[in-house]
Amino acid sequence: MGNVKVVTTMPQMAVAIREKVRTRDISQAMKGMFQELMPLLERDVRCVGPPFAYYHSWSDDEIDMEIGFPIVGEGVSKGRVHPFQLPSVKAATLVHEGAYDKLMGSYNVIMEWMKANGKRPADFMWEEYLNSPEEVPPEKLLTRLIWPFE
């Protein structure tokens, strides 16, 4: 559990798309949302950090998520794309190295750390994708998990 770090995030403006999707469809839905956002990054906003998936809520069947990019400025509203602000929170973080389908193991590490340290996890969390599956093999993917706590 030594890989878990506590950070205080700063508020960060972003552009994002929010959608509720079936858990089994998350990968395909994320891909589509990122593709929908890409044209805006090329002409309407300036990206200043890694893409993210913000999870408002989740269950075994459905996930309410927001996919986006941190930007400079206030953002734009076009179609399903809207301004979104990542919050300022105190959070447990961990950088997961490996395939996306192995993320639950790293989330379990954070949950165990919270339990051991008397922290109550927030009802939301987000992931930042530090590299791309188009650039590196699955075992080299880096994903920062950010899970706020009370």
N, C-alpha and C. Protein backbone atom coordinates (compact mmCIF):
# COMPACT_ATOMS: atom_id res chain seq x y z
N MET A 1 0.82 -1.21 0.00
CA MET A 1 0.00 0.00 0.00
C MET A 1 0.85 1.25 0.00
N GLY A 2 2.14 1.12 -0.15
CA GLY A 2 3.02 2.27 -0.14
C GLY A 2 2.89 3.16 -1.36
N ASN A 3 2.23 2.71 -2.42
CA ASN A 3 2.11 3.50 -3.64
C ASN A 3 1.04 4.57 -3.55
N VAL A 4 0.16 4.50 -2.55
CA VAL A 4 -0.92 5.48 -2.41
C VAL A 4 -0.35 6.77 -1.86
N LYS A 5 -0.72 7.88 -2.50
CA LYS A 5 -0.29 9.20 -2.04
C LYS A 5 -1.52 10.04 -1.79
N VAL A 6 -1.42 10.96 -0.85
CA VAL A 6 -2.51 11.89 -0.58
C VAL A 6 -2.15 13.22 -1.23
N VAL A 7 -3.10 13.76 -1.99
CA VAL A 7 -2.90 15.04 -2.67
C VAL A 7 -4.12 15.91 -2.44
N THR A 8 -3.94 17.20 -2.64
CA THR A 8 -5.06 18.13 -2.72
C THR A 8 -5.08 18.64 -4.14
N THR A 9 -6.13 18.34 -4.86
CA THR A 9 -6.23 18.75 -6.25
C THR A 9 -6.67 20.21 -6.32
N MET A 10 -6.34 20.84 -7.40
CA MET A 10 -6.78 22.22 -7.66
C MET A 10 -7.95 22.15 -8.64
N PRO A 11 -8.87 23.13 -8.57
CA PRO A 11 -9.95 23.13 -9.56
C PRO A 11 -9.36 23.29 -10.96
N GLN A 12 -9.94 22.62 -11.93
CA GLN A 12 -9.42 22.66 -13.29
C GLN A 12 -10.58 22.66 -14.27
N MET A 13 -10.64 23.69 -15.11
CA MET A 13 -11.68 23.73 -16.14
C MET A 13 -11.37 22.68 -17.21
N ALA A 14 -12.44 22.19 -17.81
CA ALA A 14 -12.34 21.14 -18.82
C ALA A 14 -13.51 21.26 -19.78
N VAL A 15 -13.42 20.53 -20.87
CA VAL A 15 -14.57 20.28 -21.73
C VAL A 15 -14.84 18.78 -21.63
N ALA A 16 -16.13 18.44 -21.60
CA ALA A 16 -16.47 17.04 -21.35
C ALA A 16 -17.81 16.68 -21.97
N ILE A 17 -18.04 15.38 -22.01
CA ILE A 17 -19.32 14.81 -22.41
C ILE A 17 -19.74 13.88 -21.28
N ARG A 18 -20.98 14.03 -20.83
CA ARG A 18 -21.50 13.17 -19.77
C ARG A 18 -22.50 12.19 -20.36
N GLU A 19 -22.40 10.94 -19.90
CA GLU A 19 -23.29 9.91 -20.42
C GLU A 19 -23.43 8.80 -19.39
N LYS A 20 -24.61 8.22 -19.32
CA LYS A 20 -24.82 7.00 -18.54
C LYS A 20 -24.70 5.83 -19.50
N VAL A 21 -23.86 4.87 -19.14
CA VAL A 21 -23.64 3.72 -20.02
C VAL A 21 -23.71 2.42 -19.22
N ARG A 22 -24.05 1.36 -19.92
CA ARG A 22 -24.01 0.05 -19.28
C ARG A 22 -22.55 -0.29 -19.00
N THR A 23 -22.30 -0.92 -17.89
CA THR A 23 -20.94 -1.26 -17.49
C THR A 23 -20.21 -2.04 -18.57
N ARG A 24 -20.89 -2.95 -19.20
CA ARG A 24 -20.23 -3.77 -20.23
C ARG A 24 -19.89 -2.97 -21.48
N ASP A 25 -20.48 -1.78 -21.64
CA ASP A 25 -20.24 -0.96 -22.83
C ASP A 25 -19.28 0.20 -22.59
N ILE A 26 -18.65 0.26 -21.42
CA ILE A 26 -17.86 1.43 -21.04
C ILE A 26 -16.72 1.70 -22.03
N SER A 27 -16.00 0.70 -22.43
CA SER A 27 -14.85 0.90 -23.32
C SER A 27 -15.28 1.52 -24.65
N GLN A 28 -16.29 0.98 -25.26
CA GLN A 28 -16.77 1.49 -26.54
C GLN A 28 -17.34 2.90 -26.38
N ALA A 29 -18.08 3.15 -25.30
CA ALA A 29 -18.65 4.48 -25.07
C ALA A 29 -17.55 5.52 -24.88
N MET A 30 -16.53 5.18 -24.11
CA MET A 30 -15.42 6.12 -23.88
C MET A 30 -14.73 6.45 -25.20
N LYS A 31 -14.49 5.45 -26.00
CA LYS A 31 -13.83 5.67 -27.29
C LYS A 31 -14.64 6.66 -28.13
N GLY A 32 -15.94 6.47 -28.20
CA GLY A 32 -16.79 7.36 -28.96
C GLY A 32 -16.80 8.78 -28.43
N MET A 33 -16.83 8.92 -27.10
CA MET A 33 -16.84 10.26 -26.50
C MET A 33 -15.52 10.98 -26.75
N PHE A 34 -14.40 10.26 -26.62
CA PHE A 34 -13.10 10.89 -26.90
C PHE A 34 -13.03 11.33 -28.37
N GLN A 35 -13.53 10.50 -29.28
CA GLN A 35 -13.53 10.87 -30.70
C GLN A 35 -14.40 12.11 -30.95
N GLU A 36 -15.47 12.24 -30.21
CA GLU A 36 -16.35 13.40 -30.36
C GLU A 36 -15.68 14.67 -29.84
N LEU A 37 -14.84 14.54 -28.83
CA LEU A 37 -14.15 15.69 -28.25
C LEU A 37 -12.94 16.16 -29.07
N MET A 38 -12.29 15.25 -29.77
CA MET A 38 -11.04 15.57 -30.46
C MET A 38 -11.12 16.78 -31.40
N PRO A 39 -12.15 16.94 -32.22
CA PRO A 39 -12.19 18.11 -33.11
C PRO A 39 -12.16 19.44 -32.36
N LEU A 40 -12.75 19.51 -31.18
CA LEU A 40 -12.73 20.75 -30.40
C LEU A 40 -11.32 21.08 -29.94
N LEU A 41 -10.55 20.04 -29.60
CA LEU A 41 -9.18 20.26 -29.14
C LEU A 41 -8.32 20.80 -30.27
N GLU A 42 -8.68 20.47 -31.48
CA GLU A 42 -7.89 20.90 -32.63
C GLU A 42 -8.19 22.34 -33.06
N ARG A 43 -9.38 22.87 -32.65
CA ARG A 43 -9.71 24.20 -33.15
C ARG A 43 -10.34 25.16 -32.14
N ASP A 44 -10.96 24.66 -31.05
CA ASP A 44 -11.74 25.54 -30.19
C ASP A 44 -11.17 25.77 -28.80
N VAL A 45 -10.38 24.86 -28.27
CA VAL A 45 -9.85 24.98 -26.91
C VAL A 45 -8.40 24.51 -26.89
N ARG A 46 -7.69 24.90 -25.83
CA ARG A 46 -6.30 24.46 -25.66
C ARG A 46 -6.23 23.50 -24.48
N CYS A 47 -5.85 22.28 -24.77
CA CYS A 47 -5.73 21.23 -23.76
C CYS A 47 -4.47 21.47 -22.92
N VAL A 48 -4.58 21.26 -21.59
CA VAL A 48 -3.43 21.49 -20.71
C VAL A 48 -3.11 20.30 -19.79
N GLY A 49 -3.62 19.14 -20.14
CA GLY A 49 -3.34 17.99 -19.30
C GLY A 49 -3.91 16.73 -19.91
N PRO A 50 -3.76 15.61 -19.19
CA PRO A 50 -4.20 14.34 -19.74
C PRO A 50 -5.72 14.21 -19.77
N PRO A 51 -6.24 13.42 -20.70
CA PRO A 51 -7.68 13.15 -20.73
C PRO A 51 -8.10 12.44 -19.45
N PHE A 52 -9.38 12.54 -19.13
CA PHE A 52 -9.87 11.94 -17.89
C PHE A 52 -11.24 11.31 -18.09
N ALA A 53 -11.57 10.42 -17.16
CA ALA A 53 -12.92 9.88 -17.01
C ALA A 53 -13.31 10.15 -15.56
N TYR A 54 -14.37 10.93 -15.38
CA TYR A 54 -14.88 11.29 -14.06
C TYR A 54 -16.13 10.47 -13.81
N TYR A 55 -16.13 9.70 -12.74
CA TYR A 55 -17.25 8.81 -12.44
C TYR A 55 -18.14 9.43 -11.37
N HIS A 56 -19.34 9.87 -11.79
CA HIS A 56 -20.30 10.46 -10.85
C HIS A 56 -20.90 9.37 -9.97
N SER A 57 -21.18 8.22 -10.56
CA SER A 57 -21.72 7.08 -9.82
C SER A 57 -21.53 5.83 -10.68
N TRP A 58 -21.64 4.68 -10.03
CA TRP A 58 -21.47 3.42 -10.73
C TRP A 58 -22.19 2.31 -9.98
N SER A 59 -22.56 1.31 -10.72
CA SER A 59 -23.13 0.09 -10.15
C SER A 59 -22.64 -1.06 -11.02
N ASP A 60 -23.08 -2.25 -10.70
CA ASP A 60 -22.69 -3.39 -11.52
C ASP A 60 -23.25 -3.28 -12.93
N ASP A 61 -24.35 -2.52 -13.08
CA ASP A 61 -25.03 -2.43 -14.37
C ASP A 61 -24.77 -1.15 -15.14
N GLU A 62 -24.59 -0.01 -14.45
CA GLU A 62 -24.55 1.28 -15.13
C GLU A 62 -23.54 2.22 -14.48
N ILE A 63 -22.92 3.03 -15.35
CA ILE A 63 -21.95 4.04 -14.90
C ILE A 63 -22.38 5.39 -15.44
N ASP A 64 -22.39 6.39 -14.55
CA ASP A 64 -22.65 7.78 -14.94
C ASP A 64 -21.28 8.45 -14.99
N MET A 65 -20.80 8.72 -16.20
CA MET A 65 -19.43 9.21 -16.33
C MET A 65 -19.35 10.43 -17.22
N GLU A 66 -18.27 11.15 -17.01
CA GLU A 66 -17.97 12.35 -17.78
C GLU A 66 -16.57 12.14 -18.37
N ILE A 67 -16.44 12.24 -19.67
CA ILE A 67 -15.16 12.07 -20.35
C ILE A 67 -14.71 13.44 -20.83
N GLY A 68 -13.45 13.80 -20.57
CA GLY A 68 -13.04 15.13 -20.99
C GLY A 68 -11.56 15.37 -21.01
N PHE A 69 -11.24 16.65 -21.26
CA PHE A 69 -9.86 17.13 -21.31
C PHE A 69 -9.78 18.42 -20.51
N PRO A 70 -8.75 18.58 -19.67
CA PRO A 70 -8.53 19.86 -18.99
C PRO A 70 -8.08 20.90 -20.00
N ILE A 71 -8.55 22.12 -19.82
CA ILE A 71 -8.28 23.17 -20.80
C ILE A 71 -7.92 24.49 -20.12
N VAL A 72 -7.45 25.43 -20.92
CA VAL A 72 -7.27 26.81 -20.51
C VAL A 72 -8.57 27.54 -20.84
N GLY A 73 -9.04 28.38 -19.94
CA GLY A 73 -10.24 29.17 -20.22
C GLY A 73 -11.50 28.52 -19.73
N GLU A 74 -12.62 29.03 -20.23
CA GLU A 74 -13.93 28.62 -19.74
C GLU A 74 -14.55 27.47 -20.52
N GLY A 75 -14.00 27.11 -21.66
CA GLY A 75 -14.56 26.01 -22.42
C GLY A 75 -15.63 26.45 -23.40
N VAL A 76 -16.24 25.49 -24.04
CA VAL A 76 -17.26 25.74 -25.06
C VAL A 76 -18.40 24.75 -24.87
N SER A 77 -19.54 25.13 -25.41
CA SER A 77 -20.69 24.24 -25.47
C SER A 77 -21.02 24.01 -26.94
N LYS A 78 -20.91 22.77 -27.37
CA LYS A 78 -21.22 22.39 -28.75
C LYS A 78 -21.80 20.99 -28.73
N GLY A 79 -23.06 20.86 -29.12
CA GLY A 79 -23.68 19.54 -29.09
C GLY A 79 -23.69 18.99 -27.68
N ARG A 80 -23.13 17.80 -27.50
CA ARG A 80 -23.08 17.18 -26.17
C ARG A 80 -21.89 17.68 -25.34
N VAL A 81 -20.99 18.41 -25.94
CA VAL A 81 -19.80 18.90 -25.24
C VAL A 81 -20.17 20.14 -24.42
N HIS A 82 -19.69 20.17 -23.19
CA HIS A 82 -19.98 21.30 -22.30
C HIS A 82 -18.80 21.57 -21.38
N PRO A 83 -18.73 22.78 -20.80
CA PRO A 83 -17.69 23.05 -19.81
C PRO A 83 -17.93 22.20 -18.55
N PHE A 84 -16.85 21.81 -17.92
CA PHE A 84 -16.90 21.00 -16.71
C PHE A 84 -15.71 21.40 -15.85
N GLN A 85 -15.87 21.36 -14.54
CA GLN A 85 -14.74 21.70 -13.67
C GLN A 85 -14.40 20.52 -12.77
N LEU A 86 -13.17 20.05 -12.89
CA LEU A 86 -12.67 19.06 -11.94
C LEU A 86 -12.53 19.78 -10.60
N PRO A 87 -12.94 19.14 -9.50
CA PRO A 87 -12.99 19.84 -8.21
C PRO A 87 -11.66 19.90 -7.47
N SER A 88 -11.63 20.78 -6.50
CA SER A 88 -10.53 20.83 -5.54
C SER A 88 -10.92 19.92 -4.37
N VAL A 89 -10.15 18.87 -4.16
CA VAL A 89 -10.46 17.88 -3.12
C VAL A 89 -9.17 17.32 -2.53
N LYS A 90 -9.31 16.73 -1.37
CA LYS A 90 -8.23 15.92 -0.81
C LYS A 90 -8.52 14.49 -1.27
N ALA A 91 -7.50 13.83 -1.84
CA ALA A 91 -7.75 12.53 -2.45
C ALA A 91 -6.57 11.59 -2.27
N ALA A 92 -6.89 10.31 -2.32
CA ALA A 92 -5.87 9.26 -2.40
C ALA A 92 -5.62 9.01 -3.89
N THR A 93 -4.36 8.94 -4.27
CA THR A 93 -4.03 8.70 -5.67
C THR A 93 -3.06 7.53 -5.78
N LEU A 94 -3.08 6.95 -6.95
CA LEU A 94 -2.20 5.83 -7.25
C LEU A 94 -2.05 5.78 -8.76
N VAL A 95 -0.83 5.57 -9.25
CA VAL A 95 -0.64 5.40 -10.69
C VAL A 95 -0.61 3.89 -10.98
N HIS A 96 -1.59 3.48 -11.78
CA HIS A 96 -1.71 2.08 -12.18
C HIS A 96 -0.91 1.88 -13.47
N GLU A 97 -0.06 0.87 -13.48
CA GLU A 97 0.64 0.51 -14.71
C GLU A 97 0.09 -0.82 -15.19
N GLY A 98 -0.47 -0.79 -16.40
CA GLY A 98 -1.02 -2.01 -16.96
C GLY A 98 -2.33 -1.77 -17.68
N ALA A 99 -2.91 -2.86 -18.14
CA ALA A 99 -4.13 -2.80 -18.93
C ALA A 99 -5.29 -2.23 -18.13
N TYR A 100 -6.21 -1.60 -18.85
CA TYR A 100 -7.38 -0.99 -18.21
C TYR A 100 -8.24 -2.04 -17.51
N ASP A 101 -8.29 -3.24 -18.04
CA ASP A 101 -9.13 -4.26 -17.41
C ASP A 101 -8.55 -4.79 -16.10
N LYS A 102 -7.40 -4.27 -15.70
CA LYS A 102 -6.78 -4.64 -14.42
C LYS A 102 -6.87 -3.50 -13.39
N LEU A 103 -7.58 -2.42 -13.72
CA LEU A 103 -7.68 -1.26 -12.83
C LEU A 103 -8.29 -1.60 -11.47
N MET A 104 -9.20 -2.55 -11.41
CA MET A 104 -9.86 -2.86 -10.13
C MET A 104 -8.86 -3.25 -9.05
N GLY A 105 -7.78 -3.91 -9.43
CA GLY A 105 -6.76 -4.25 -8.44
C GLY A 105 -6.18 -3.01 -7.78
N SER A 106 -5.93 -1.97 -8.56
CA SER A 106 -5.40 -0.72 -8.00
C SER A 106 -6.46 0.02 -7.19
N TYR A 107 -7.71 -0.02 -7.65
CA TYR A 107 -8.79 0.57 -6.84
C TYR A 107 -8.90 -0.14 -5.50
N ASN A 108 -8.72 -1.45 -5.50
CA ASN A 108 -8.76 -2.21 -4.24
C ASN A 108 -7.64 -1.79 -3.30
N VAL A 109 -6.46 -1.49 -3.86
CA VAL A 109 -5.35 -1.01 -3.04
C VAL A 109 -5.74 0.32 -2.37
N ILE A 110 -6.36 1.22 -3.13
CA ILE A 110 -6.78 2.50 -2.55
C ILE A 110 -7.85 2.27 -1.47
N MET A 111 -8.82 1.39 -1.74
CA MET A 111 -9.86 1.12 -0.75
C MET A 111 -9.26 0.56 0.54
N GLU A 112 -8.30 -0.34 0.41
CA GLU A 112 -7.63 -0.90 1.60
C GLU A 112 -6.87 0.19 2.35
N TRP A 113 -6.20 1.08 1.62
CA TRP A 113 -5.47 2.18 2.26
C TRP A 113 -6.45 3.07 3.02
N MET A 114 -7.58 3.41 2.40
CA MET A 114 -8.58 4.25 3.07
C MET A 114 -9.07 3.58 4.35
N LYS A 115 -9.38 2.30 4.26
CA LYS A 115 -9.86 1.56 5.42
C LYS A 115 -8.81 1.56 6.53
N ALA A 116 -7.56 1.31 6.18
CA ALA A 116 -6.47 1.27 7.17
C ALA A 116 -6.21 2.64 7.79
N ASN A 117 -6.55 3.71 7.08
CA ASN A 117 -6.27 5.06 7.56
C ASN A 117 -7.53 5.81 8.02
N GLY A 118 -8.63 5.10 8.17
CA GLY A 118 -9.85 5.69 8.69
C GLY A 118 -10.48 6.74 7.79
N LYS A 119 -10.31 6.60 6.50
CA LYS A 119 -10.87 7.55 5.53
C LYS A 119 -12.14 6.97 4.93
N ARG A 120 -13.10 7.83 4.66
CA ARG A 120 -14.35 7.42 4.01
C ARG A 120 -14.32 7.88 2.56
N PRO A 121 -14.38 6.94 1.59
CA PRO A 121 -14.29 7.33 0.19
C PRO A 121 -15.50 8.15 -0.25
N ALA A 122 -15.24 9.12 -1.10
CA ALA A 122 -16.32 9.93 -1.70
C ALA A 122 -17.11 9.06 -2.67
N ASP A 123 -18.26 9.55 -3.07
CA ASP A 123 -19.12 8.84 -4.00
C ASP A 123 -18.70 9.03 -5.46
N PHE A 124 -17.62 9.76 -5.69
CA PHE A 124 -17.14 10.01 -7.05
C PHE A 124 -15.63 9.84 -7.07
N MET A 125 -15.09 9.71 -8.27
CA MET A 125 -13.64 9.57 -8.46
C MET A 125 -13.34 9.86 -9.92
N TRP A 126 -12.06 9.96 -10.26
CA TRP A 126 -11.71 10.09 -11.66
C TRP A 126 -10.37 9.45 -11.96
N GLU A 127 -10.18 9.21 -13.25
CA GLU A 127 -8.95 8.63 -13.77
C GLU A 127 -8.35 9.58 -14.78
N GLU A 128 -7.04 9.68 -14.78
CA GLU A 128 -6.32 10.45 -15.81
C GLU A 128 -5.48 9.46 -16.60
N TYR A 129 -5.55 9.56 -17.91
CA TYR A 129 -4.85 8.64 -18.79
C TYR A 129 -3.55 9.28 -19.25
N LEU A 130 -2.42 8.80 -18.68
CA LEU A 130 -1.13 9.44 -18.85
C LEU A 130 -0.42 9.07 -20.15
N ASN A 131 -0.89 8.02 -20.80
CA ASN A 131 -0.42 7.67 -22.14
C ASN A 131 -1.56 6.99 -22.87
N SER A 132 -1.32 6.56 -24.07
CA SER A 132 -2.42 6.09 -24.92
C SER A 132 -2.20 4.66 -25.38
N PRO A 133 -3.28 3.88 -25.47
CA PRO A 133 -3.15 2.52 -26.01
C PRO A 133 -2.74 2.52 -27.48
N GLU A 134 -2.79 3.67 -28.12
CA GLU A 134 -2.33 3.76 -29.50
C GLU A 134 -0.81 3.97 -29.56
N GLU A 135 -0.20 4.28 -28.39
CA GLU A 135 1.24 4.56 -28.34
C GLU A 135 2.05 3.48 -27.63
N VAL A 136 1.42 2.78 -26.69
CA VAL A 136 2.15 1.79 -25.89
C VAL A 136 1.32 0.51 -25.77
N PRO A 137 1.98 -0.63 -25.51
CA PRO A 137 1.23 -1.88 -25.31
C PRO A 137 0.44 -1.82 -24.00
N PRO A 138 -0.60 -2.65 -23.84
CA PRO A 138 -1.45 -2.60 -22.65
C PRO A 138 -0.69 -2.66 -21.33
N GLU A 139 0.36 -3.46 -21.26
CA GLU A 139 1.10 -3.59 -19.99
C GLU A 139 1.89 -2.33 -19.62
N LYS A 140 2.01 -1.38 -20.54
CA LYS A 140 2.75 -0.14 -20.29
C LYS A 140 1.82 1.06 -20.10
N LEU A 141 0.51 0.85 -20.16
CA LEU A 141 -0.42 1.96 -19.95
C LEU A 141 -0.30 2.50 -18.54
N LEU A 142 -0.36 3.82 -18.40
CA LEU A 142 -0.30 4.48 -17.09
C LEU A 142 -1.60 5.25 -16.87
N THR A 143 -2.27 4.94 -15.76
CA THR A 143 -3.53 5.58 -15.41
C THR A 143 -3.44 6.06 -13.97
N ARG A 144 -3.62 7.37 -13.76
CA ARG A 144 -3.64 7.92 -12.39
C ARG A 144 -5.07 7.84 -11.87
N LEU A 145 -5.25 7.16 -10.75
CA LEU A 145 -6.54 7.06 -10.09
C LEU A 145 -6.60 8.14 -9.02
N ILE A 146 -7.69 8.88 -8.98
CA ILE A 146 -7.86 9.96 -8.00
C ILE A 146 -9.19 9.73 -7.30
N TRP A 147 -9.13 9.35 -6.02
CA TRP A 147 -10.34 9.02 -5.27
C TRP A 147 -10.42 9.90 -4.04
N PRO A 148 -11.26 10.91 -4.06
CA PRO A 148 -11.41 11.80 -2.90
C PRO A 148 -11.93 11.03 -1.67
N PHE A 149 -11.64 11.59 -0.52
CA PHE A 149 -12.14 10.98 0.72
C PHE A 149 -12.58 12.08 1.68
N GLU A 150 -13.39 11.65 2.64
CA GLU A 150 -13.88 12.57 3.69
C GLU A 150 -13.16 12.30 4.97
